[in-house]
Amino acid sequence: MGVISVSELVKTFGGTRALDGLDLRVEAGEVHGFLGPNGAGKSTTIRILLGLLRHDSGTVRLFDADPWRDAVSLHRRLAYVPGDVNLWPNLSGGEAIDLFGALRGGLDRSRRDALLRRFELDPTKKCRAYSKGNRQKVAIVAAFAADVDLLVLDEPTSGLDPLMESVFQDEVRRFSRAGGTVLLSSHVLAEVEALCDRVSIIREGRTVESGTLTELRHLTRTSVTVETERPLTGLDRLPGVNPVDVGDHHAHLEVEPQHLAALLAHLLSFGVRALTSTPPTLEELFLRHYGPGPDLAATPTPVGVAAPAGAAGTTTQRRGDR
């Protein structure tokens, strides 16, 4: 049994089917990327895992327990960072962090102080004076300072500058090396590619791909740029090869992985002067499923999600995030 086990999950809001038989499995100790555009069902799934929503059908288990029935005990084993953190305006950042820790049964004070230094967060300021990025830091520090087994991160670096994103990635790696499990929902594909052991891509409430990045990259083409001594011919007759830009002595090609060896053998016969091979990126894989279409004309952007688990703030749910 994985830390997170979801099968055939269904959730509707009136006439809208937000989740339509979604499957998700996250094993202990892994960092699992959870990808999809706005409206795919990511945040709805996370709310169900947190016990904030009740699913209509299917099965969902968190540490082999029911997130709806056992929410209180489960929240002591996990920490949640949303993409839009709501805090108590009259508390200082340090007081908010300590309150989150108290709701889970305590936190590591030395770890808390080290994280405040790493994320350059002034804990004495009132929460109402914080920028969006600093509000994110409060939730991030509270999560990493907690003694938990699972981090649920929904667009956690929204509002952070690149330096703080790098610090965040270091802390995720530290948590994972210590045996912790991470579910990371993010639109920053470079972040997912740098951190995640496995990814699940969802669309319209269903899982369309799941596996390691190596396993999923067979679904996209490798980019090859070559310069040869003799004029290139015969490329159009090679199976699985798409010529993007071809001249007499140079070419930029895209090739399906299973046909790469045949392409290289063909190129060698023309005397290769220089060759660059670039494996497919996660972005290419993502666009394969979410390429230009009527509902994806714009780049996905983060949307509001629930207040931190156990916080006194209100849970918000926006139509576009279902």
C-alpha atoms as a PDB file:
ATOM      1  CA  MET A   1       0.000   0.000   0.000  1.00  0.00           C
ATOM      2  CA  GLY A   2       1.465   3.366  -1.045  1.00  0.00           C
ATOM      3  CA  VAL A   3       1.419   6.501   1.093  1.00  0.00           C
ATOM      4  CA  ILE A   4      -1.247   7.819  -1.293  1.00  0.00           C
ATOM      5  CA  SER A   5      -3.489   5.365  -3.112  1.00  0.00           C
ATOM      6  CA  VAL A   6      -6.317   6.690  -5.297  1.00  0.00           C
ATOM      7  CA  SER A   7      -8.383   4.581  -7.667  1.00  0.00           C
ATOM      8  CA  GLU A   8     -11.300   5.504  -9.955  1.00  0.00           C
ATOM      9  CA  LEU A   9     -11.880   8.726  -7.993  1.00  0.00           C
ATOM     10  CA  VAL A  10     -14.998  10.685  -8.968  1.00  0.00           C
ATOM     11  CA  LYS A  11     -16.107  14.104  -7.732  1.00  0.00           C
ATOM     12  CA  THR A  12     -18.860  16.274  -9.186  1.00  0.00           C
ATOM     13  CA  PHE A  13     -19.970  19.823  -8.461  1.00  0.00           C
ATOM     14  CA  GLY A  14     -23.511  20.133  -9.738  1.00  0.00           C
ATOM     15  CA  GLY A  15     -23.306  19.343 -13.430  1.00  0.00           C
ATOM     16  CA  THR A  16     -19.496  19.587 -13.522  1.00  0.00           C
ATOM     17  CA  ARG A  17     -17.495  16.359 -13.254  1.00  0.00           C
ATOM     18  CA  ALA A  18     -14.257  17.583 -11.718  1.00  0.00           C
ATOM     19  CA  LEU A  19     -12.725  14.106 -11.273  1.00  0.00           C
ATOM     20  CA  ASP A  20     -13.674  11.367 -13.688  1.00  0.00           C
ATOM     21  CA  GLY A  21     -12.078   8.123 -12.540  1.00  0.00           C
ATOM     22  CA  LEU A  22      -8.688   9.511 -11.520  1.00  0.00           C
ATOM     23  CA  ASP A  23      -5.892   7.128 -10.431  1.00  0.00           C
ATOM     24  CA  LEU A  24      -2.874   8.207  -8.384  1.00  0.00           C
ATOM     25  CA  ARG A  25      -0.290   6.273  -6.411  1.00  0.00           C
ATOM     26  CA  VAL A  26       2.576   7.775  -4.421  1.00  0.00           C
ATOM     27  CA  GLU A  27       5.079   5.441  -2.787  1.00  0.00           C
ATOM     28  CA  ALA A  28       6.883   6.082   0.486  1.00  0.00           C
ATOM     29  CA  GLY A  29      10.061   8.121   0.126  1.00  0.00           C
ATOM     30  CA  GLU A  30       9.424   9.453  -3.368  1.00  0.00           C
ATOM     31  CA  VAL A  31       8.895  12.962  -4.706  1.00  0.00           C
ATOM     32  CA  HIS A  32       5.891  12.680  -6.995  1.00  0.00           C
ATOM     33  CA  GLY A  33       5.002  15.379  -9.510  1.00  0.00           C
ATOM     34  CA  PHE A  34       1.289  16.032 -10.057  1.00  0.00           C
ATOM     35  CA  LEU A  35       0.814  17.877 -13.338  1.00  0.00           C
ATOM     36  CA  GLY A  36      -2.048  19.316 -15.312  1.00  0.00           C
ATOM     37  CA  PRO A  37      -3.470  22.678 -16.407  1.00  0.00           C
ATOM     38  CA  ASN A  38      -6.015  24.712 -14.477  1.00  0.00           C
ATOM     39  CA  GLY A  39      -9.282  22.799 -14.352  1.00  0.00           C
ATOM     40  CA  ALA A  40      -7.671  19.360 -14.681  1.00  0.00           C
ATOM     41  CA  GLY A  41      -8.639  18.380 -11.123  1.00  0.00           C
ATOM     42  CA  LYS A  42      -5.348  18.684  -9.229  1.00  0.00           C
ATOM     43  CA  SER A  43      -6.543  20.915  -6.407  1.00  0.00           C
ATOM     44  CA  THR A  44      -9.816  19.011  -6.085  1.00  0.00           C
ATOM     45  CA  THR A  45      -7.787  15.818  -5.630  1.00  0.00           C
ATOM     46  CA  ILE A  46      -5.590  17.496  -3.031  1.00  0.00           C
ATOM     47  CA  ARG A  47      -8.623  18.773  -1.111  1.00  0.00           C
ATOM     48  CA  ILE A  48     -10.001  15.247  -1.005  1.00  0.00           C
ATOM     49  CA  LEU A  49      -6.647  13.930   0.255  1.00  0.00           C
ATOM     50  CA  LEU A  50      -6.692  16.590   2.988  1.00  0.00           C
ATOM     51  CA  GLY A  51     -10.225  15.692   4.058  1.00  0.00           C
ATOM     52  CA  LEU A  52     -11.591  19.081   2.970  1.00  0.00           C
ATOM     53  CA  LEU A  53     -13.889  17.506   0.358  1.00  0.00           C
ATOM     54  CA  ARG A  54     -15.721  14.199   0.276  1.00  0.00           C
ATOM     55  CA  HIS A  55     -15.460  12.200  -2.934  1.00  0.00           C
ATOM     56  CA  ASP A  56     -18.515  10.764  -4.688  1.00  0.00           C
ATOM     57  CA  SER A  57     -17.106   7.355  -5.623  1.00  0.00           C
ATOM     58  CA  GLY A  58     -13.879   5.447  -6.031  1.00  0.00           C
ATOM     59  CA  THR A  59     -11.317   4.747  -3.335  1.00  0.00           C
ATOM     60  CA  VAL A  60      -8.837   7.082  -1.672  1.00  0.00           C
ATOM     61  CA  ARG A  61      -6.404   6.062   1.075  1.00  0.00           C
ATOM     62  CA  LEU A  62      -3.764   8.118   2.833  1.00  0.00           C
ATOM     63  CA  PHE A  63      -1.367   6.072   4.985  1.00  0.00           C
ATOM     64  CA  ASP A  64      -3.990   3.315   4.563  1.00  0.00           C
ATOM     65  CA  ALA A  65      -6.591   5.508   6.306  1.00  0.00           C
ATOM     66  CA  ASP A  66      -9.660   7.410   5.142  1.00  0.00           C
ATOM     67  CA  PRO A  67      -8.829  11.140   4.663  1.00  0.00           C
ATOM     68  CA  TRP A  68     -12.431  12.165   5.360  1.00  0.00           C
ATOM     69  CA  ARG A  69     -13.018  10.045   8.467  1.00  0.00           C
ATOM     70  CA  ASP A  70      -9.476  10.169   9.883  1.00  0.00           C
ATOM     71  CA  ALA A  71      -8.550  13.749   8.946  1.00  0.00           C
ATOM     72  CA  VAL A  72      -7.477  14.833  12.441  1.00  0.00           C
ATOM     73  CA  SER A  73      -4.986  12.005  12.987  1.00  0.00           C
ATOM     74  CA  LEU A  74      -3.725  12.196   9.396  1.00  0.00           C
ATOM     75  CA  HIS A  75      -3.030  15.928   9.620  1.00  0.00           C
ATOM     76  CA  ARG A  76      -0.505  15.189  12.356  1.00  0.00           C
ATOM     77  CA  ARG A  77       1.474  13.186   9.788  1.00  0.00           C
ATOM     78  CA  LEU A  78       1.415  15.679   6.931  1.00  0.00           C
ATOM     79  CA  ALA A  79       2.064  19.327   6.149  1.00  0.00           C
ATOM     80  CA  TYR A  80       0.373  21.282   3.385  1.00  0.00           C
ATOM     81  CA  VAL A  81       1.591  24.328   1.458  1.00  0.00           C
ATOM     82  CA  PRO A  82      -0.962  25.924  -0.890  1.00  0.00           C
ATOM     83  CA  GLY A  83      -0.238  28.291  -3.742  1.00  0.00           C
ATOM     84  CA  ASP A  84      -2.020  31.202  -2.076  1.00  0.00           C
ATOM     85  CA  VAL A  85      -1.422  31.299   1.659  1.00  0.00           C
ATOM     86  CA  ASN A  86      -3.967  33.059   3.924  1.00  0.00           C
ATOM     87  CA  LEU A  87      -2.629  34.029   7.352  1.00  0.00           C
ATOM     88  CA  TRP A  88      -3.976  35.677  10.498  1.00  0.00           C
ATOM     89  CA  PRO A  89      -3.248  39.398   9.929  1.00  0.00           C
ATOM     90  CA  ASN A  90      -2.640  40.266  13.594  1.00  0.00           C
ATOM     91  CA  LEU A  91      -0.148  37.466  14.228  1.00  0.00           C
ATOM     92  CA  SER A  92       3.533  37.780  13.424  1.00  0.00           C
ATOM     93  CA  GLY A  93       5.059  35.339  10.974  1.00  0.00           C
ATOM     94  CA  GLY A  94       6.837  33.544  13.803  1.00  0.00           C
ATOM     95  CA  GLU A  95       3.607  33.232  15.783  1.00  0.00           C
ATOM     96  CA  ALA A  96       1.826  31.794  12.744  1.00  0.00           C
ATOM     97  CA  ILE A  97       4.590  29.223  12.253  1.00  0.00           C
ATOM     98  CA  ASP A  98       4.438  28.234  15.909  1.00  0.00           C
ATOM     99  CA  LEU A  99       0.656  27.919  15.744  1.00  0.00           C
ATOM    100  CA  PHE A 100       0.870  25.611  12.740  1.00  0.00           C
ATOM    101  CA  GLY A 101       3.406  23.564  14.673  1.00  0.00           C
ATOM    102  CA  ALA A 102       1.184  23.397  17.751  1.00  0.00           C
ATOM    103  CA  LEU A 103      -1.723  22.115  15.647  1.00  0.00           C
ATOM    104  CA  ARG A 104       0.484  19.169  14.644  1.00  0.00           C
ATOM    105  CA  GLY A 105       1.825  18.531  18.137  1.00  0.00           C
ATOM    106  CA  GLY A 106       4.969  20.665  18.000  1.00  0.00           C
ATOM    107  CA  LEU A 107       7.916  21.449  15.740  1.00  0.00           C
ATOM    108  CA  ASP A 108      11.696  21.439  15.815  1.00  0.00           C
ATOM    109  CA  ARG A 109      12.679  24.880  17.156  1.00  0.00           C
ATOM    110  CA  SER A 110      16.269  24.715  15.973  1.00  0.00           C
ATOM    111  CA  ARG A 111      15.103  23.588  12.550  1.00  0.00           C
ATOM    112  CA  ARG A 112      12.537  26.413  12.514  1.00  0.00           C
ATOM    113  CA  ASP A 113      15.216  29.019  13.263  1.00  0.00           C
ATOM    114  CA  ALA A 114      17.590  27.613  10.635  1.00  0.00           C
ATOM    115  CA  LEU A 115      14.828  27.710   8.018  1.00  0.00           C
ATOM    116  CA  LEU A 116      13.961  31.306   8.876  1.00  0.00           C
ATOM    117  CA  ARG A 117      17.593  32.224   8.157  1.00  0.00           C
ATOM    118  CA  ARG A 118      17.731  30.186   4.958  1.00  0.00           C
ATOM    119  CA  PHE A 119      14.526  31.715   3.588  1.00  0.00           C
ATOM    120  CA  GLU A 120      15.483  35.207   4.846  1.00  0.00           C
ATOM    121  CA  LEU A 121      12.139  35.655   6.605  1.00  0.00           C
ATOM    122  CA  ASP A 122      11.684  38.176   9.413  1.00  0.00           C
ATOM    123  CA  PRO A 123       9.453  36.363  11.946  1.00  0.00           C
ATOM    124  CA  THR A 124       8.678  39.529  13.917  1.00  0.00           C
ATOM    125  CA  LYS A 125       6.623  41.239  11.192  1.00  0.00           C
ATOM    126  CA  LYS A 126       2.853  41.040  11.268  1.00  0.00           C
ATOM    127  CA  CYS A 127       1.367  38.774   8.620  1.00  0.00           C
ATOM    128  CA  ARG A 128      -0.648  41.662   7.182  1.00  0.00           C
ATOM    129  CA  ALA A 129       2.650  43.363   6.260  1.00  0.00           C
ATOM    130  CA  TYR A 130       4.004  40.390   4.316  1.00  0.00           C
ATOM    131  CA  SER A 131       4.221  40.236   0.536  1.00  0.00           C
ATOM    132  CA  LYS A 132       2.822  37.182  -1.248  1.00  0.00           C
ATOM    133  CA  GLY A 133       6.290  35.651  -1.385  1.00  0.00           C
ATOM    134  CA  ASN A 134       6.794  36.079   2.356  1.00  0.00           C
ATOM    135  CA  ARG A 135       3.389  34.570   3.093  1.00  0.00           C
ATOM    136  CA  GLN A 136       4.512  31.557   1.073  1.00  0.00           C
ATOM    137  CA  LYS A 137       7.706  31.413   3.138  1.00  0.00           C
ATOM    138  CA  VAL A 138       5.687  31.236   6.370  1.00  0.00           C
ATOM    139  CA  ALA A 139       3.841  28.132   5.149  1.00  0.00           C
ATOM    140  CA  ILE A 140       7.016  26.591   3.701  1.00  0.00           C
ATOM    141  CA  VAL A 141       9.026  27.088   6.914  1.00  0.00           C
ATOM    142  CA  ALA A 142       6.148  25.702   9.000  1.00  0.00           C
ATOM    143  CA  ALA A 143       5.970  22.629   6.747  1.00  0.00           C
ATOM    144  CA  PHE A 144       9.692  21.853   6.685  1.00  0.00           C
ATOM    145  CA  ALA A 145      10.067  22.445  10.436  1.00  0.00           C
ATOM    146  CA  ALA A 146       7.288  19.980  11.246  1.00  0.00           C
ATOM    147  CA  ASP A 147       7.966  16.357  12.171  1.00  0.00           C
ATOM    148  CA  VAL A 148       5.810  14.826   9.419  1.00  0.00           C
ATOM    149  CA  ASP A 149       5.986  11.956   6.948  1.00  0.00           C
ATOM    150  CA  LEU A 150       4.275  13.637   3.979  1.00  0.00           C
ATOM    151  CA  LEU A 151       4.424  17.058   2.342  1.00  0.00           C
ATOM    152  CA  VAL A 152       1.513  18.042   0.098  1.00  0.00           C
ATOM    153  CA  LEU A 153       2.687  21.009  -1.976  1.00  0.00           C
ATOM    154  CA  ASP A 154       0.258  22.789  -4.321  1.00  0.00           C
ATOM    155  CA  GLU A 155       2.165  25.460  -6.307  1.00  0.00           C
ATOM    156  CA  PRO A 156       4.371  26.071  -3.233  1.00  0.00           C
ATOM    157  CA  THR A 157       6.898  28.438  -4.875  1.00  0.00           C
ATOM    158  CA  SER A 158       4.303  30.854  -6.249  1.00  0.00           C
ATOM    159  CA  GLY A 159       5.672  34.327  -5.496  1.00  0.00           C
ATOM    160  CA  LEU A 160       9.211  33.214  -4.600  1.00  0.00           C
ATOM    161  CA  ASP A 161      12.231  34.669  -6.365  1.00  0.00           C
ATOM    162  CA  PRO A 162      14.710  32.312  -8.111  1.00  0.00           C
ATOM    163  CA  LEU A 163      17.126  32.298  -5.146  1.00  0.00           C
ATOM    164  CA  MET A 164      14.390  31.209  -2.747  1.00  0.00           C
ATOM    165  CA  GLU A 165      13.173  28.612  -5.264  1.00  0.00           C
ATOM    166  CA  SER A 166      16.668  27.114  -5.152  1.00  0.00           C
ATOM    167  CA  VAL A 167      16.560  27.016  -1.336  1.00  0.00           C
ATOM    168  CA  PHE A 168      13.125  25.382  -1.522  1.00  0.00           C
ATOM    169  CA  GLN A 169      14.445  22.668  -3.841  1.00  0.00           C
ATOM    170  CA  ASP A 170      17.340  21.987  -1.467  1.00  0.00           C
ATOM    171  CA  GLU A 171      14.888  21.523   1.403  1.00  0.00           C
ATOM    172  CA  VAL A 172      12.689  19.149  -0.605  1.00  0.00           C
ATOM    173  CA  ARG A 173      15.757  17.034  -1.380  1.00  0.00           C
ATOM    174  CA  ARG A 174      16.774  17.053   2.293  1.00  0.00           C
ATOM    175  CA  PHE A 175      13.282  15.958   3.342  1.00  0.00           C
ATOM    176  CA  SER A 176      13.256  13.189   0.734  1.00  0.00           C
ATOM    177  CA  ARG A 177      16.713  11.911   1.724  1.00  0.00           C
ATOM    178  CA  ALA A 178      15.450  11.632   5.299  1.00  0.00           C
ATOM    179  CA  GLY A 179      12.713   9.259   4.088  1.00  0.00           C
ATOM    180  CA  GLY A 180       9.855  11.753   3.674  1.00  0.00           C
ATOM    181  CA  THR A 181       7.290  11.574   0.876  1.00  0.00           C
ATOM    182  CA  VAL A 182       6.302  14.559  -1.276  1.00  0.00           C
ATOM    183  CA  LEU A 183       3.325  15.194  -3.561  1.00  0.00           C
ATOM    184  CA  LEU A 184       4.257  18.251  -5.636  1.00  0.00           C
ATOM    185  CA  SER A 185       1.724  19.993  -7.855  1.00  0.00           C
ATOM    186  CA  SER A 186       3.491  22.633  -9.930  1.00  0.00           C
ATOM    187  CA  HIS A 187       3.361  24.516 -13.203  1.00  0.00           C
ATOM    188  CA  VAL A 188       7.122  25.119 -12.997  1.00  0.00           C
ATOM    189  CA  LEU A 189       8.169  22.172 -15.145  1.00  0.00           C
ATOM    190  CA  ALA A 190      11.879  22.751 -14.540  1.00  0.00           C
ATOM    191  CA  GLU A 191      11.169  22.421 -10.809  1.00  0.00           C
ATOM    192  CA  VAL A 192       9.328  19.139 -11.309  1.00  0.00           C
ATOM    193  CA  GLU A 193      12.058  17.821 -13.588  1.00  0.00           C
ATOM    194  CA  ALA A 194      14.742  18.711 -11.039  1.00  0.00           C
ATOM    195  CA  LEU A 195      12.973  17.203  -8.033  1.00  0.00           C
ATOM    196  CA  CYS A 196      10.578  14.417  -8.954  1.00  0.00           C
ATOM    197  CA  ASP A 197      11.219  10.689  -9.042  1.00  0.00           C
ATOM    198  CA  ARG A 198       7.877  10.021 -10.760  1.00  0.00           C
ATOM    199  CA  VAL A 199       5.140  12.150 -12.288  1.00  0.00           C
ATOM    200  CA  SER A 200       1.439  11.777 -12.999  1.00  0.00           C
ATOM    201  CA  ILE A 201      -0.143  13.913 -15.717  1.00  0.00           C
ATOM    202  CA  ILE A 202      -3.893  14.449 -15.546  1.00  0.00           C
ATOM    203  CA  ARG A 203      -6.425  15.910 -17.934  1.00  0.00           C
ATOM    204  CA  GLU A 204     -10.128  16.526 -17.454  1.00  0.00           C
ATOM    205  CA  GLY A 205     -10.148  14.645 -14.168  1.00  0.00           C
ATOM    206  CA  ARG A 206      -8.328  11.550 -15.444  1.00  0.00           C
ATOM    207  CA  THR A 207      -4.737  10.339 -15.272  1.00  0.00           C
ATOM    208  CA  VAL A 208      -3.315  10.198 -18.788  1.00  0.00           C
ATOM    209  CA  GLU A 209       0.309   9.269 -18.024  1.00  0.00           C
ATOM    210  CA  SER A 210       2.200   8.132 -14.934  1.00  0.00           C
ATOM    211  CA  GLY A 211       5.754   6.919 -14.407  1.00  0.00           C
ATOM    212  CA  THR A 212       9.362   8.007 -14.066  1.00  0.00           C
ATOM    213  CA  LEU A 213      10.652  10.706 -16.389  1.00  0.00           C
ATOM    214  CA  THR A 214      12.778   8.072 -18.128  1.00  0.00           C
ATOM    215  CA  GLU A 215       9.720   5.901 -18.713  1.00  0.00           C
ATOM    216  CA  LEU A 216       7.660   8.796 -20.034  1.00  0.00           C
ATOM    217  CA  ARG A 217      10.298  10.221 -22.327  1.00  0.00           C
ATOM    218  CA  HIS A 218       9.777   7.382 -24.789  1.00  0.00           C
ATOM    219  CA  LEU A 219       6.582   9.225 -25.718  1.00  0.00           C
ATOM    220  CA  THR A 220       8.451  12.188 -27.196  1.00  0.00           C
ATOM    221  CA  ARG A 221      11.152  12.649 -29.801  1.00  0.00           C
ATOM    222  CA  THR A 222      14.857  13.256 -29.326  1.00  0.00           C
ATOM    223  CA  SER A 223      16.263  16.373 -30.992  1.00  0.00           C
ATOM    224  CA  VAL A 224      19.384  15.810 -33.128  1.00  0.00           C
ATOM    225  CA  THR A 225      21.555  18.523 -34.725  1.00  0.00           C
ATOM    226  CA  VAL A 226      24.314  17.322 -37.053  1.00  0.00           C
ATOM    227  CA  GLU A 227      26.993  18.746 -39.352  1.00  0.00           C
ATOM    228  CA  THR A 228      28.476  16.443 -41.999  1.00  0.00           C
ATOM    229  CA  GLU A 229      31.391  16.397 -44.457  1.00  0.00           C
ATOM    230  CA  ARG A 230      29.259  15.321 -47.434  1.00  0.00           C
ATOM    231  CA  PRO A 231      25.774  16.492 -48.471  1.00  0.00           C
ATOM    232  CA  LEU A 232      22.992  14.716 -46.594  1.00  0.00           C
ATOM    233  CA  THR A 233      20.474  12.622 -48.517  1.00  0.00           C
ATOM    234  CA  GLY A 234      17.881   9.993 -47.777  1.00  0.00           C
ATOM    235  CA  LEU A 235      16.605  11.432 -44.501  1.00  0.00           C
ATOM    236  CA  ASP A 236      13.019  11.461 -45.755  1.00  0.00           C
ATOM    237  CA  ARG A 237      13.154   7.686 -46.223  1.00  0.00           C
ATOM    238  CA  LEU A 238      14.137   6.919 -42.606  1.00  0.00           C
ATOM    239  CA  PRO A 239      11.287   5.717 -40.374  1.00  0.00           C
ATOM    240  CA  GLY A 240      10.476   7.761 -37.268  1.00  0.00           C
ATOM    241  CA  VAL A 241      12.579  10.762 -38.396  1.00  0.00           C
ATOM    242  CA  ASN A 242      11.104  14.234 -38.799  1.00  0.00           C
ATOM    243  CA  PRO A 243      13.414  16.687 -40.644  1.00  0.00           C
ATOM    244  CA  VAL A 244      12.910  20.139 -39.089  1.00  0.00           C
ATOM    245  CA  ASP A 245      15.638  22.042 -40.940  1.00  0.00           C
ATOM    246  CA  VAL A 246      17.879  20.324 -43.499  1.00  0.00           C
ATOM    247  CA  GLY A 247      20.696  21.841 -45.593  1.00  0.00           C
ATOM    248  CA  ASP A 248      23.470  20.299 -47.673  1.00  0.00           C
ATOM    249  CA  HIS A 249      25.856  19.703 -44.776  1.00  0.00           C
ATOM    250  CA  HIS A 250      23.710  20.254 -41.708  1.00  0.00           C
ATOM    251  CA  ALA A 251      20.355  19.180 -40.324  1.00  0.00           C
ATOM    252  CA  HIS A 252      18.111  19.615 -37.328  1.00  0.00           C
ATOM    253  CA  LEU A 253      15.982  16.496 -36.842  1.00  0.00           C
ATOM    254  CA  GLU A 254      13.489  15.008 -34.428  1.00  0.00           C
ATOM    255  CA  VAL A 255      13.585  11.245 -34.065  1.00  0.00           C
ATOM    256  CA  GLU A 256      11.510   8.708 -32.184  1.00  0.00           C
ATOM    257  CA  PRO A 257      13.719   6.972 -29.583  1.00  0.00           C
ATOM    258  CA  GLN A 258      13.384   3.495 -31.100  1.00  0.00           C
ATOM    259  CA  HIS A 259      14.748   4.790 -34.438  1.00  0.00           C
ATOM    260  CA  LEU A 260      17.706   6.763 -33.057  1.00  0.00           C
ATOM    261  CA  ALA A 261      20.289   4.037 -33.695  1.00  0.00           C
ATOM    262  CA  ALA A 262      19.252   3.721 -37.358  1.00  0.00           C
ATOM    263  CA  LEU A 263      19.463   7.499 -37.808  1.00  0.00           C
ATOM    264  CA  LEU A 264      22.966   7.656 -36.300  1.00  0.00           C
ATOM    265  CA  ALA A 265      24.160   4.833 -38.552  1.00  0.00           C
ATOM    266  CA  HIS A 266      22.797   6.706 -41.567  1.00  0.00           C
ATOM    267  CA  LEU A 267      24.464   9.977 -40.545  1.00  0.00           C
ATOM    268  CA  LEU A 268      27.858   8.331 -39.998  1.00  0.00           C
ATOM    269  CA  SER A 269      27.975   7.352 -43.659  1.00  0.00           C
ATOM    270  CA  PHE A 270      28.187  11.073 -44.568  1.00  0.00           C
ATOM    271  CA  GLY A 271      31.124  11.825 -42.258  1.00  0.00           C
ATOM    272  CA  VAL A 272      29.961  13.475 -39.066  1.00  0.00           C
ATOM    273  CA  ARG A 273      31.829  16.643 -38.056  1.00  0.00           C
ATOM    274  CA  ALA A 274      29.626  17.584 -35.105  1.00  0.00           C
ATOM    275  CA  LEU A 275      26.532  16.100 -33.522  1.00  0.00           C
ATOM    276  CA  THR A 276      24.316  17.130 -30.636  1.00  0.00           C
ATOM    277  CA  SER A 277      21.558  14.921 -29.241  1.00  0.00           C
ATOM    278  CA  THR A 278      19.070  16.398 -26.760  1.00  0.00           C
ATOM    279  CA  PRO A 279      16.630  14.130 -24.913  1.00  0.00           C
ATOM    280  CA  PRO A 280      12.998  15.229 -24.705  1.00  0.00           C
ATOM    281  CA  THR A 281      12.136  17.502 -21.797  1.00  0.00           C
ATOM    282  CA  LEU A 282       9.231  17.304 -19.398  1.00  0.00           C
ATOM    283  CA  GLU A 283       7.865  20.438 -21.060  1.00  0.00           C
ATOM    284  CA  GLU A 284       7.694  18.613 -24.402  1.00  0.00           C
ATOM    285  CA  LEU A 285       5.942  15.701 -22.760  1.00  0.00           C
ATOM    286  CA  PHE A 286       3.497  18.058 -21.056  1.00  0.00           C
ATOM    287  CA  LEU A 287       2.728  19.894 -24.288  1.00  0.00           C
ATOM    288  CA  ARG A 288       2.118  16.592 -26.016  1.00  0.00           C
ATOM    289  CA  HIS A 289      -0.950  16.190 -23.801  1.00  0.00           C
ATOM    290  CA  TYR A 290      -1.811  19.861 -23.374  1.00  0.00           C
ATOM    291  CA  GLY A 291      -0.758  21.362 -26.685  1.00  0.00           C
ATOM    292  CA  PRO A 292      -2.587  24.337 -28.206  1.00  0.00           C
ATOM    293  CA  GLY A 293      -6.328  23.860 -27.997  1.00  0.00           C
ATOM    294  CA  PRO A 294      -9.483  25.838 -27.335  1.00  0.00           C
ATOM    295  CA  ASP A 295      -9.220  25.414 -23.566  1.00  0.00           C
ATOM    296  CA  LEU A 296      -5.439  25.823 -23.336  1.00  0.00           C
ATOM    297  CA  ALA A 297      -4.712  28.902 -25.389  1.00  0.00           C
ATOM    298  CA  ALA A 298      -2.886  30.550 -22.519  1.00  0.00           C
ATOM    299  CA  THR A 299      -0.070  29.303 -20.312  1.00  0.00           C
ATOM    300  CA  PRO A 300      -1.489  27.760 -17.115  1.00  0.00           C
ATOM    301  CA  THR A 301      -1.274  30.037 -14.080  1.00  0.00           C
ATOM    302  CA  PRO A 302      -1.676  29.242 -10.389  1.00  0.00           C
ATOM    303  CA  VAL A 303      -5.082  29.735  -8.805  1.00  0.00           C
ATOM    304  CA  GLY A 304      -6.342  30.066  -5.246  1.00  0.00           C
ATOM    305  CA  VAL A 305      -6.484  26.969  -3.091  1.00  0.00           C
ATOM    306  CA  ALA A 306      -7.514  26.067   0.418  1.00  0.00           C
ATOM    307  CA  ALA A 307      -6.004  27.710   3.477  1.00  0.00           C
ATOM    308  CA  PRO A 308      -3.310  25.651   5.230  1.00  0.00           C
ATOM    309  CA  ALA A 309      -4.689  22.495   6.826  1.00  0.00           C
ATOM    310  CA  GLY A 310      -5.689  23.222  10.403  1.00  0.00           C
ATOM    311  CA  ALA A 311      -5.594  27.012   9.911  1.00  0.00           C
ATOM    312  CA  ALA A 312      -8.345  29.355  10.975  1.00  0.00           C
ATOM    313  CA  GLY A 313      -8.700  30.768   7.456  1.00  0.00           C
ATOM    314  CA  THR A 314     -11.529  29.939   5.091  1.00  0.00           C
ATOM    315  CA  THR A 315     -11.356  27.351   2.345  1.00  0.00           C
ATOM    316  CA  THR A 316     -11.758  28.972  -1.051  1.00  0.00           C
ATOM    317  CA  GLN A 317     -12.784  27.164  -4.179  1.00  0.00           C
ATOM    318  CA  ARG A 318     -12.871  28.801  -7.551  1.00  0.00           C
ATOM    319  CA  ARG A 319     -14.818  27.553 -10.500  1.00  0.00           C
ATOM    320  CA  GLY A 320     -11.779  27.450 -12.770  1.00  0.00           C
ATOM    321  CA  ASP A 321      -9.844  25.194 -10.390  1.00  0.00           C
ATOM    322  CA  ARG A 322     -12.259  22.294 -10.263  1.00  0.00           C
END
